[in-house]
């Protein structure tokens, strides 16, 4: 069992990983803030409101329309993400300091 800890996916591997994480938390303290810049760009209605064209009434075609708009208009998606992050930084992160 001891030698199985280097084989990814085995029970002893995950037991070792859990113990390492537990040790890091006890030494460094618990993580209090998590932040990611990943985008749910096909889910935000306000992003698609600034895209050219109008949302199809057919539900089956709406996802394709959203995907095509993001691919065809990366400048609008980038600008939207920039404004969204800037607002988050100014409203949330700067008030935490």
PDB file of N, CA and C in Angstrom:
ATOM      1  N   UNK A   1       0.819  -1.198   0.000  1.00  0.00           N
ATOM      2  CA  UNK A   1       0.000   0.000   0.000  1.00  0.00           C
ATOM      3  C   UNK A   1       0.859   1.257   0.000  1.00  0.00           C
ATOM      4  N   UNK A   2       1.984   1.223   0.693  1.00  0.00           N
ATOM      5  CA  UNK A   2       2.825   2.404   0.802  1.00  0.00           C
ATOM      6  C   UNK A   2       3.369   2.826  -0.562  1.00  0.00           C
ATOM      7  N   UNK A   3       3.709   1.866  -1.399  1.00  0.00           N
ATOM      8  CA  UNK A   3       4.299   2.182  -2.701  1.00  0.00           C
ATOM      9  C   UNK A   3       3.244   2.626  -3.717  1.00  0.00           C
ATOM     10  N   UNK A   4       1.987   2.386  -3.438  1.00  0.00           N
ATOM     11  CA  UNK A   4       0.914   2.794  -4.335  1.00  0.00           C
ATOM     12  C   UNK A   4       0.608   4.278  -4.272  1.00  0.00           C
ATOM     13  N   UNK A   5       1.207   4.969  -3.321  1.00  0.00           N
ATOM     14  CA  UNK A   5       0.907   6.392  -3.174  1.00  0.00           C
ATOM     15  C   UNK A   5       1.449   7.233  -4.326  1.00  0.00           C
ATOM     16  N   UNK A   6       2.338   6.679  -5.118  1.00  0.00           N
ATOM     17  CA  UNK A   6       2.849   7.432  -6.268  1.00  0.00           C
ATOM     18  C   UNK A   6       2.053   7.140  -7.539  1.00  0.00           C
ATOM     19  N   UNK A   7       1.105   6.214  -7.462  1.00  0.00           N
ATOM     20  CA  UNK A   7       0.280   5.879  -8.625  1.00  0.00           C
ATOM     21  C   UNK A   7      -1.003   6.708  -8.591  1.00  0.00           C
ATOM     22  N   UNK A   8      -1.069   7.666  -9.501  1.00  0.00           N
ATOM     23  CA  UNK A   8      -2.212   8.586  -9.530  1.00  0.00           C
ATOM     24  C   UNK A   8      -3.521   7.822  -9.680  1.00  0.00           C
ATOM     25  N   UNK A   9      -4.500   8.213  -8.847  1.00  0.00           N
ATOM     26  CA  UNK A   9      -5.821   7.609  -8.910  1.00  0.00           C
ATOM     27  C   UNK A   9      -6.053   6.500  -7.910  1.00  0.00           C
ATOM     28  N   UNK A  10      -4.999   5.988  -7.301  1.00  0.00           N
ATOM     29  CA  UNK A  10      -5.187   4.921  -6.315  1.00  0.00           C
ATOM     30  C   UNK A  10      -5.661   5.510  -4.998  1.00  0.00           C
ATOM     31  N   UNK A  11      -6.183   4.649  -4.170  1.00  0.00           N
ATOM     32  CA  UNK A  11      -6.679   5.098  -2.866  1.00  0.00           C
ATOM     33  C   UNK A  11      -5.549   5.691  -2.017  1.00  0.00           C
ATOM     34  N   UNK A  12      -4.377   5.051  -2.069  1.00  0.00           N
ATOM     35  CA  UNK A  12      -3.264   5.560  -1.259  1.00  0.00           C
ATOM     36  C   UNK A  12      -2.744   6.891  -1.812  1.00  0.00           C
ATOM     37  N   UNK A  13      -2.838   7.106  -3.133  1.00  0.00           N
ATOM     38  CA  UNK A  13      -2.448   8.396  -3.707  1.00  0.00           C
ATOM     39  C   UNK A  13      -3.327   9.509  -3.146  1.00  0.00           C
ATOM     40  N   UNK A  14      -4.653   9.310  -3.153  1.00  0.00           N
ATOM     41  CA  UNK A  14      -5.561  10.343  -2.665  1.00  0.00           C
ATOM     42  C   UNK A  14      -5.465  10.504  -1.151  1.00  0.00           C
ATOM     43  N   UNK A  15      -5.162   9.439  -0.443  1.00  0.00           N
ATOM     44  CA  UNK A  15      -4.959   9.544   1.004  1.00  0.00           C
ATOM     45  C   UNK A  15      -3.739  10.412   1.303  1.00  0.00           C
ATOM     46  N   UNK A  16      -2.667  10.194   0.554  1.00  0.00           N
ATOM     47  CA  UNK A  16      -1.459  11.002   0.722  1.00  0.00           C
ATOM     48  C   UNK A  16      -1.728  12.464   0.355  1.00  0.00           C
ATOM     49  N   UNK A  17      -2.450  12.691  -0.756  1.00  0.00           N
ATOM     50  CA  UNK A  17      -2.770  14.060  -1.182  1.00  0.00           C
ATOM     51  C   UNK A  17      -3.625  14.764  -0.131  1.00  0.00           C
ATOM     52  N   UNK A  18      -4.599  14.047   0.434  1.00  0.00           N
ATOM     53  CA  UNK A  18      -5.446  14.630   1.489  1.00  0.00           C
ATOM     54  C   UNK A  18      -4.619  14.999   2.708  1.00  0.00           C
ATOM     55  N   UNK A  19      -3.701  14.139   3.097  1.00  0.00           N
ATOM     56  CA  UNK A  19      -2.841  14.430   4.250  1.00  0.00           C
ATOM     57  C   UNK A  19      -1.933  15.637   3.991  1.00  0.00           C
ATOM     58  N   UNK A  20      -1.403  15.747   2.769  1.00  0.00           N
ATOM     59  CA  UNK A  20      -0.562  16.906   2.440  1.00  0.00           C
ATOM     60  C   UNK A  20      -1.373  18.192   2.506  1.00  0.00           C
ATOM     61  N   UNK A  21      -2.599  18.176   1.980  1.00  0.00           N
ATOM     62  CA  UNK A  21      -3.459  19.356   2.027  1.00  0.00           C
ATOM     63  C   UNK A  21      -3.818  19.717   3.463  1.00  0.00           C
ATOM     64  N   UNK A  22      -4.137  18.717   4.258  1.00  0.00           N
ATOM     65  CA  UNK A  22      -4.464  18.949   5.666  1.00  0.00           C
ATOM     66  C   UNK A  22      -3.269  19.562   6.402  1.00  0.00           C
ATOM     67  N   UNK A  23      -2.070  19.082   6.125  1.00  0.00           N
ATOM     68  CA  UNK A  23      -0.868  19.643   6.747  1.00  0.00           C
ATOM     69  C   UNK A  23      -0.641  21.089   6.319  1.00  0.00           C
ATOM     70  N   UNK A  24      -0.858  21.391   5.028  1.00  0.00           N
ATOM     71  CA  UNK A  24      -0.687  22.768   4.558  1.00  0.00           C
ATOM     72  C   UNK A  24      -1.678  23.700   5.229  1.00  0.00           C
ATOM     73  N   UNK A  25      -2.929  23.259   5.400  1.00  0.00           N
ATOM     74  CA  UNK A  25      -3.938  24.091   6.052  1.00  0.00           C
ATOM     75  C   UNK A  25      -3.573  24.330   7.511  1.00  0.00           C
ATOM     76  N   UNK A  26      -3.074  23.298   8.193  1.00  0.00           N
ATOM     77  CA  UNK A  26      -2.725  23.475   9.603  1.00  0.00           C
ATOM     78  C   UNK A  26      -1.505  24.384   9.778  1.00  0.00           C
ATOM     79  N   UNK A  27      -0.580  24.403   8.808  1.00  0.00           N
ATOM     80  CA  UNK A  27       0.608  25.258   8.910  1.00  0.00           C
ATOM     81  C   UNK A  27       0.344  26.685   8.430  1.00  0.00           C
ATOM     82  N   UNK A  28      -0.386  26.829   7.321  1.00  0.00           N
ATOM     83  CA  UNK A  28      -0.573  28.144   6.711  1.00  0.00           C
ATOM     84  C   UNK A  28      -1.886  28.810   7.087  1.00  0.00           C
ATOM     85  N   UNK A  29      -2.826  28.052   7.569  1.00  0.00           N
ATOM     86  CA  UNK A  29      -4.145  28.599   7.863  1.00  0.00           C
ATOM     87  C   UNK A  29      -5.105  28.283   6.723  1.00  0.00           C
ATOM     88  N   UNK A  30      -6.375  28.449   7.005  1.00  0.00           N
ATOM     89  CA  UNK A  30      -7.400  28.123   6.035  1.00  0.00           C
ATOM     90  C   UNK A  30      -7.503  29.216   4.975  1.00  0.00           C
ATOM     91  N   UNK A  31      -7.726  28.812   3.739  1.00  0.00           N
ATOM     92  CA  UNK A  31      -7.925  29.745   2.641  1.00  0.00           C
ATOM     93  C   UNK A  31      -9.212  30.522   2.883  1.00  0.00           C
ATOM     94  N   UNK A  32      -9.145  31.844   2.781  1.00  0.00           N
ATOM     95  CA  UNK A  32     -10.326  32.651   3.067  1.00  0.00           C
ATOM     96  C   UNK A  32     -10.908  33.311   1.841  1.00  0.00           C
ATOM     97  N   UNK A  33     -10.198  33.254   0.698  1.00  0.00           N
ATOM     98  CA  UNK A  33     -10.684  33.931  -0.499  1.00  0.00           C
ATOM     99  C   UNK A  33     -10.234  33.162  -1.727  1.00  0.00           C
ATOM    100  N   UNK A  34     -11.158  32.917  -2.638  1.00  0.00           N
ATOM    101  CA  UNK A  34     -10.840  32.244  -3.889  1.00  0.00           C
ATOM    102  C   UNK A  34     -11.356  33.094  -5.033  1.00  0.00           C
ATOM    103  N   UNK A  35     -10.530  33.301  -6.047  1.00  0.00           N
ATOM    104  CA  UNK A  35     -10.903  34.163  -7.163  1.00  0.00           C
ATOM    105  C   UNK A  35     -10.418  33.543  -8.458  1.00  0.00           C
ATOM    106  N   UNK A  36     -11.271  33.508  -9.458  1.00  0.00           N
ATOM    107  CA  UNK A  36     -10.891  32.986 -10.762  1.00  0.00           C
ATOM    108  C   UNK A  36     -11.348  33.946 -11.849  1.00  0.00           C
ATOM    109  N   UNK A  37     -10.643  33.972 -12.947  1.00  0.00           N
ATOM    110  CA  UNK A  37     -11.014  34.837 -14.057  1.00  0.00           C
ATOM    111  C   UNK A  37     -11.692  34.058 -15.175  1.00  0.00           C
ATOM    112  N   UNK A  38     -12.161  32.867 -14.890  1.00  0.00           N
ATOM    113  CA  UNK A  38     -12.853  32.114 -15.930  1.00  0.00           C
ATOM    114  C   UNK A  38     -14.199  32.774 -16.215  1.00  0.00           C
ATOM    115  N   UNK A  39     -14.633  32.647 -17.442  1.00  0.00           N
ATOM    116  CA  UNK A  39     -15.836  33.359 -17.862  1.00  0.00           C
ATOM    117  C   UNK A  39     -16.940  32.386 -18.234  1.00  0.00           C
ATOM    118  N   UNK A  40     -18.134  32.672 -17.765  1.00  0.00           N
ATOM    119  CA  UNK A  40     -19.313  31.933 -18.201  1.00  0.00           C
ATOM    120  C   UNK A  40     -19.941  32.736 -19.329  1.00  0.00           C
ATOM    121  N   UNK A  41     -19.151  32.953 -20.387  1.00  0.00           N
ATOM    122  CA  UNK A  41     -19.528  33.911 -21.417  1.00  0.00           C
ATOM    123  C   UNK A  41     -20.774  33.554 -22.209  1.00  0.00           C
ATOM    124  N   UNK A  42     -21.191  32.302 -22.205  1.00  0.00           N
ATOM    125  CA  UNK A  42     -22.419  31.963 -22.931  1.00  0.00           C
ATOM    126  C   UNK A  42     -23.646  32.056 -22.031  1.00  0.00           C
ATOM    127  N   UNK A  43     -23.463  32.382 -20.765  1.00  0.00           N
ATOM    128  CA  UNK A  43     -24.581  32.408 -19.825  1.00  0.00           C
ATOM    129  C   UNK A  43     -25.017  33.814 -19.416  1.00  0.00           C
ATOM    130  N   UNK A  44     -24.196  34.839 -19.669  1.00  0.00           N
ATOM    131  CA  UNK A  44     -24.526  36.179 -19.194  1.00  0.00           C
ATOM    132  C   UNK A  44     -25.443  36.901 -20.168  1.00  0.00           C
ATOM    133  N   UNK A  45     -26.687  37.178 -19.781  1.00  0.00           N
ATOM    134  CA  UNK A  45     -27.606  37.872 -20.678  1.00  0.00           C
ATOM    135  C   UNK A  45     -27.149  39.297 -20.998  1.00  0.00           C
ATOM    136  N   UNK A  46     -26.505  39.971 -20.042  1.00  0.00           N
ATOM    137  CA  UNK A  46     -26.059  41.346 -20.307  1.00  0.00           C
ATOM    138  C   UNK A  46     -24.925  41.395 -21.326  1.00  0.00           C
ATOM    139  N   UNK A  47     -24.107  40.356 -21.427  1.00  0.00           N
ATOM    140  CA  UNK A  47     -23.086  40.296 -22.474  1.00  0.00           C
ATOM    141  C   UNK A  47     -23.745  40.150 -23.836  1.00  0.00           C
ATOM    142  N   UNK A  48     -24.742  39.312 -23.934  1.00  0.00           N
ATOM    143  CA  UNK A  48     -25.384  39.070 -25.225  1.00  0.00           C
ATOM    144  C   UNK A  48     -26.311  40.210 -25.633  1.00  0.00           C
ATOM    145  N   UNK A  49     -26.667  41.056 -24.683  1.00  0.00           N
ATOM    146  CA  UNK A  49     -27.479  42.226 -25.019  1.00  0.00           C
ATOM    147  C   UNK A  49     -26.684  43.228 -25.851  1.00  0.00           C
ATOM    148  N   UNK A  50     -25.343  43.249 -25.726  1.00  0.00           N
ATOM    149  CA  UNK A  50     -24.535  44.184 -26.506  1.00  0.00           C
ATOM    150  C   UNK A  50     -24.052  43.585 -27.823  1.00  0.00           C
ATOM    151  N   UNK A  51     -24.368  42.313 -28.054  1.00  0.00           N
ATOM    152  CA  UNK A  51     -23.958  41.661 -29.292  1.00  0.00           C
ATOM    153  C   UNK A  51     -24.880  42.074 -30.435  1.00  0.00           C
ATOM    154  N   UNK A  52     -24.350  42.105 -31.663  1.00  0.00           N
ATOM    155  CA  UNK A  52     -25.200  42.454 -32.806  1.00  0.00           C
ATOM    156  C   UNK A  52     -26.232  41.362 -33.088  1.00  0.00           C
ATOM    157  N   UNK A  53     -27.310  41.755 -33.689  1.00  0.00           N
ATOM    158  CA  UNK A  53     -28.378  40.814 -33.993  1.00  0.00           C
ATOM    159  C   UNK A  53     -29.297  40.648 -32.800  1.00  0.00           C
ATOM    160  N   UNK A  54     -30.304  39.833 -32.959  1.00  0.00           N
ATOM    161  CA  UNK A  54     -31.222  39.610 -31.841  1.00  0.00           C
ATOM    162  C   UNK A  54     -31.316  38.115 -31.550  1.00  0.00           C
ATOM    163  N   UNK A  55     -31.609  37.830 -30.318  1.00  0.00           N
ATOM    164  CA  UNK A  55     -31.681  36.453 -29.841  1.00  0.00           C
ATOM    165  C   UNK A  55     -32.816  35.725 -30.548  1.00  0.00           C
ATOM    166  N   UNK A  56     -32.547  34.576 -31.145  1.00  0.00           N
ATOM    167  CA  UNK A  56     -33.615  33.824 -31.820  1.00  0.00           C
ATOM    168  C   UNK A  56     -34.676  33.363 -30.825  1.00  0.00           C
ATOM    169  N   UNK A  57     -35.901  33.307 -31.271  1.00  0.00           N
ATOM    170  CA  UNK A  57     -36.980  32.854 -30.391  1.00  0.00           C
ATOM    171  C   UNK A  57     -36.960  31.345 -30.211  1.00  0.00           C
ATOM    172  N   UNK A  58     -36.366  30.637 -31.150  1.00  0.00           N
ATOM    173  CA  UNK A  58     -36.252  29.182 -31.063  1.00  0.00           C
ATOM    174  C   UNK A  58     -35.175  28.829 -30.032  1.00  0.00           C
ATOM    175  N   UNK A  59     -35.569  28.158 -28.971  1.00  0.00           N
ATOM    176  CA  UNK A  59     -34.649  27.842 -27.877  1.00  0.00           C
ATOM    177  C   UNK A  59     -33.484  26.984 -28.363  1.00  0.00           C
ATOM    178  N   UNK A  60     -33.739  26.103 -29.300  1.00  0.00           N
ATOM    179  CA  UNK A  60     -32.683  25.220 -29.808  1.00  0.00           C
ATOM    180  C   UNK A  60     -31.584  26.010 -30.522  1.00  0.00           C
ATOM    181  N   UNK A  61     -31.907  27.153 -31.100  1.00  0.00           N
ATOM    182  CA  UNK A  61     -30.932  27.953 -31.846  1.00  0.00           C
ATOM    183  C   UNK A  61     -30.228  29.009 -30.985  1.00  0.00           C
ATOM    184  N   UNK A  62     -30.708  29.232 -29.770  1.00  0.00           N
ATOM    185  CA  UNK A  62     -30.154  30.294 -28.929  1.00  0.00           C
ATOM    186  C   UNK A  62     -28.704  30.032 -28.530  1.00  0.00           C
ATOM    187  N   UNK A  63     -28.369  28.806 -28.151  1.00  0.00           N
ATOM    188  CA  UNK A  63     -27.001  28.495 -27.736  1.00  0.00           C
ATOM    189  C   UNK A  63     -26.029  28.665 -28.899  1.00  0.00           C
ATOM    190  N   UNK A  64     -26.432  28.224 -30.085  1.00  0.00           N
ATOM    191  CA  UNK A  64     -25.578  28.388 -31.256  1.00  0.00           C
ATOM    192  C   UNK A  64     -25.375  29.867 -31.563  1.00  0.00           C
ATOM    193  N   UNK A  65     -26.434  30.666 -31.442  1.00  0.00           N
ATOM    194  CA  UNK A  65     -26.333  32.110 -31.674  1.00  0.00           C
ATOM    195  C   UNK A  65     -25.351  32.750 -30.690  1.00  0.00           C
ATOM    196  N   UNK A  66     -25.447  32.366 -29.410  1.00  0.00           N
ATOM    197  CA  UNK A  66     -24.526  32.903 -28.392  1.00  0.00           C
ATOM    198  C   UNK A  66     -23.078  32.535 -28.713  1.00  0.00           C
ATOM    199  N   UNK A  67     -22.856  31.260 -29.011  1.00  0.00           N
ATOM    200  CA  UNK A  67     -21.495  30.806 -29.336  1.00  0.00           C
ATOM    201  C   UNK A  67     -20.948  31.514 -30.564  1.00  0.00           C
ATOM    202  N   UNK A  68     -21.763  31.624 -31.605  1.00  0.00           N
ATOM    203  CA  UNK A  68     -21.321  32.293 -32.829  1.00  0.00           C
ATOM    204  C   UNK A  68     -21.001  33.760 -32.580  1.00  0.00           C
ATOM    205  N   UNK A  69     -21.792  34.428 -31.762  1.00  0.00           N
ATOM    206  CA  UNK A  69     -21.528  35.842 -31.457  1.00  0.00           C
ATOM    207  C   UNK A  69     -20.220  36.022 -30.704  1.00  0.00           C
ATOM    208  N   UNK A  70     -19.941  35.135 -29.774  1.00  0.00           N
ATOM    209  CA  UNK A  70     -18.691  35.246 -29.014  1.00  0.00           C
ATOM    210  C   UNK A  70     -17.493  35.009 -29.922  1.00  0.00           C
ATOM    211  N   UNK A  71     -17.618  34.040 -30.825  1.00  0.00           N
ATOM    212  CA  UNK A  71     -16.523  33.755 -31.756  1.00  0.00           C
ATOM    213  C   UNK A  71     -16.346  34.892 -32.755  1.00  0.00           C
ATOM    214  N   UNK A  72     -17.452  35.440 -33.245  1.00  0.00           N
ATOM    215  CA  UNK A  72     -17.390  36.492 -34.267  1.00  0.00           C
ATOM    216  C   UNK A  72     -17.043  37.864 -33.700  1.00  0.00           C
ATOM    217  N   UNK A  73     -17.260  38.082 -32.416  1.00  0.00           N
ATOM    218  CA  UNK A  73     -17.046  39.398 -31.802  1.00  0.00           C
ATOM    219  C   UNK A  73     -16.175  39.305 -30.554  1.00  0.00           C
ATOM    220  N   UNK A  74     -14.942  38.835 -30.694  1.00  0.00           N
ATOM    221  CA  UNK A  74     -14.103  38.698 -29.493  1.00  0.00           C
ATOM    222  C   UNK A  74     -13.783  40.046 -28.853  1.00  0.00           C
ATOM    223  N   UNK A  75     -13.782  41.118 -29.640  1.00  0.00           N
ATOM    224  CA  UNK A  75     -13.501  42.443 -29.096  1.00  0.00           C
ATOM    225  C   UNK A  75     -14.600  42.877 -28.122  1.00  0.00           C
ATOM    226  N   UNK A  76     -15.856  42.554 -28.415  1.00  0.00           N
ATOM    227  CA  UNK A  76     -16.936  42.907 -27.496  1.00  0.00           C
ATOM    228  C   UNK A  76     -16.875  42.064 -26.225  1.00  0.00           C
ATOM    229  N   UNK A  77     -16.561  40.784 -26.380  1.00  0.00           N
ATOM    230  CA  UNK A  77     -16.434  39.907 -25.219  1.00  0.00           C
ATOM    231  C   UNK A  77     -15.286  40.364 -24.327  1.00  0.00           C
ATOM    232  N   UNK A  78     -14.163  40.735 -24.941  1.00  0.00           N
ATOM    233  CA  UNK A  78     -13.003  41.199 -24.185  1.00  0.00           C
ATOM    234  C   UNK A  78     -13.312  42.505 -23.454  1.00  0.00           C
ATOM    235  N   UNK A  79     -13.970  43.429 -24.139  1.00  0.00           N
ATOM    236  CA  UNK A  79     -14.331  44.700 -23.517  1.00  0.00           C
ATOM    237  C   UNK A  79     -15.288  44.481 -22.346  1.00  0.00           C
ATOM    238  N   UNK A  80     -16.256  43.605 -22.545  1.00  0.00           N
ATOM    239  CA  UNK A  80     -17.200  43.288 -21.480  1.00  0.00           C
ATOM    240  C   UNK A  80     -16.479  42.709 -20.263  1.00  0.00           C
ATOM    241  N   UNK A  81     -15.564  41.748 -20.510  1.00  0.00           N
ATOM    242  CA  UNK A  81     -14.821  41.143 -19.404  1.00  0.00           C
ATOM    243  C   UNK A  81     -13.934  42.164 -18.697  1.00  0.00           C
ATOM    244  N   UNK A  82     -13.341  43.077 -19.462  1.00  0.00           N
ATOM    245  CA  UNK A  82     -12.506  44.117 -18.865  1.00  0.00           C
ATOM    246  C   UNK A  82     -13.345  44.998 -17.931  1.00  0.00           C
ATOM    247  N   UNK A  83     -14.497  45.437 -18.400  1.00  0.00           N
ATOM    248  CA  UNK A  83     -15.364  46.275 -17.565  1.00  0.00           C
ATOM    249  C   UNK A  83     -15.878  45.511 -16.347  1.00  0.00           C
ATOM    250  N   UNK A  84     -16.199  44.258 -16.539  1.00  0.00           N
ATOM    251  CA  UNK A  84     -16.690  43.441 -15.425  1.00  0.00           C
ATOM    252  C   UNK A  84     -15.611  43.255 -14.358  1.00  0.00           C
ATOM    253  N   UNK A  85     -14.374  42.969 -14.777  1.00  0.00           N
ATOM    254  CA  UNK A  85     -13.301  42.801 -13.815  1.00  0.00           C
ATOM    255  C   UNK A  85     -12.957  44.127 -13.135  1.00  0.00           C
ATOM    256  N   UNK A  86     -12.938  45.215 -13.904  1.00  0.00           N
ATOM    257  CA  UNK A  86     -12.633  46.531 -13.328  1.00  0.00           C
ATOM    258  C   UNK A  86     -13.653  46.890 -12.255  1.00  0.00           C
ATOM    259  N   UNK A  87     -14.924  46.668 -12.536  1.00  0.00           N
ATOM    260  CA  UNK A  87     -15.965  46.943 -11.543  1.00  0.00           C
ATOM    261  C   UNK A  87     -15.783  46.052 -10.320  1.00  0.00           C
ATOM    262  N   UNK A  88     -15.474  44.783 -10.518  1.00  0.00           N
ATOM    263  CA  UNK A  88     -15.247  43.876  -9.397  1.00  0.00           C
ATOM    264  C   UNK A  88     -14.069  44.344  -8.548  1.00  0.00           C
ATOM    265  N   UNK A  89     -12.986  44.740  -9.213  1.00  0.00           N
ATOM    266  CA  UNK A  89     -11.803  45.198  -8.486  1.00  0.00           C
ATOM    267  C   UNK A  89     -12.102  46.453  -7.679  1.00  0.00           C
ATOM    268  N   UNK A  90     -12.780  47.407  -8.294  1.00  0.00           N
ATOM    269  CA  UNK A  90     -13.054  48.674  -7.610  1.00  0.00           C
ATOM    270  C   UNK A  90     -14.074  48.517  -6.490  1.00  0.00           C
ATOM    271  N   UNK A  91     -15.094  47.725  -6.710  1.00  0.00           N
ATOM    272  CA  UNK A  91     -16.167  47.608  -5.720  1.00  0.00           C
ATOM    273  C   UNK A  91     -15.819  46.621  -4.612  1.00  0.00           C
ATOM    274  N   UNK A  92     -15.268  45.487  -4.958  1.00  0.00           N
ATOM    275  CA  UNK A  92     -15.035  44.430  -3.960  1.00  0.00           C
ATOM    276  C   UNK A  92     -13.608  44.440  -3.420  1.00  0.00           C
ATOM    277  N   UNK A  93     -12.631  44.289  -4.287  1.00  0.00           N
ATOM    278  CA  UNK A  93     -11.258  44.100  -3.819  1.00  0.00           C
ATOM    279  C   UNK A  93     -10.687  45.320  -3.124  1.00  0.00           C
ATOM    280  N   UNK A  94     -10.972  46.505  -3.632  1.00  0.00           N
ATOM    281  CA  UNK A  94     -10.417  47.702  -3.000  1.00  0.00           C
ATOM    282  C   UNK A  94     -11.079  48.028  -1.677  1.00  0.00           C
ATOM    283  N   UNK A  95     -12.309  47.542  -1.453  1.00  0.00           N
ATOM    284  CA  UNK A  95     -12.953  47.766  -0.156  1.00  0.00           C
ATOM    285  C   UNK A  95     -12.414  46.791   0.885  1.00  0.00           C
ATOM    286  N   UNK A  96     -11.804  45.681   0.444  1.00  0.00           N
ATOM    287  CA  UNK A  96     -11.245  44.709   1.393  1.00  0.00           C
ATOM    288  C   UNK A  96      -9.906  45.156   1.949  1.00  0.00           C
ATOM    289  N   UNK A  97      -9.243  46.058   1.267  1.00  0.00           N
ATOM    290  CA  UNK A  97      -7.895  46.481   1.698  1.00  0.00           C
ATOM    291  C   UNK A  97      -7.927  47.339   2.930  1.00  0.00           C
TER     292      UNK A  97
END
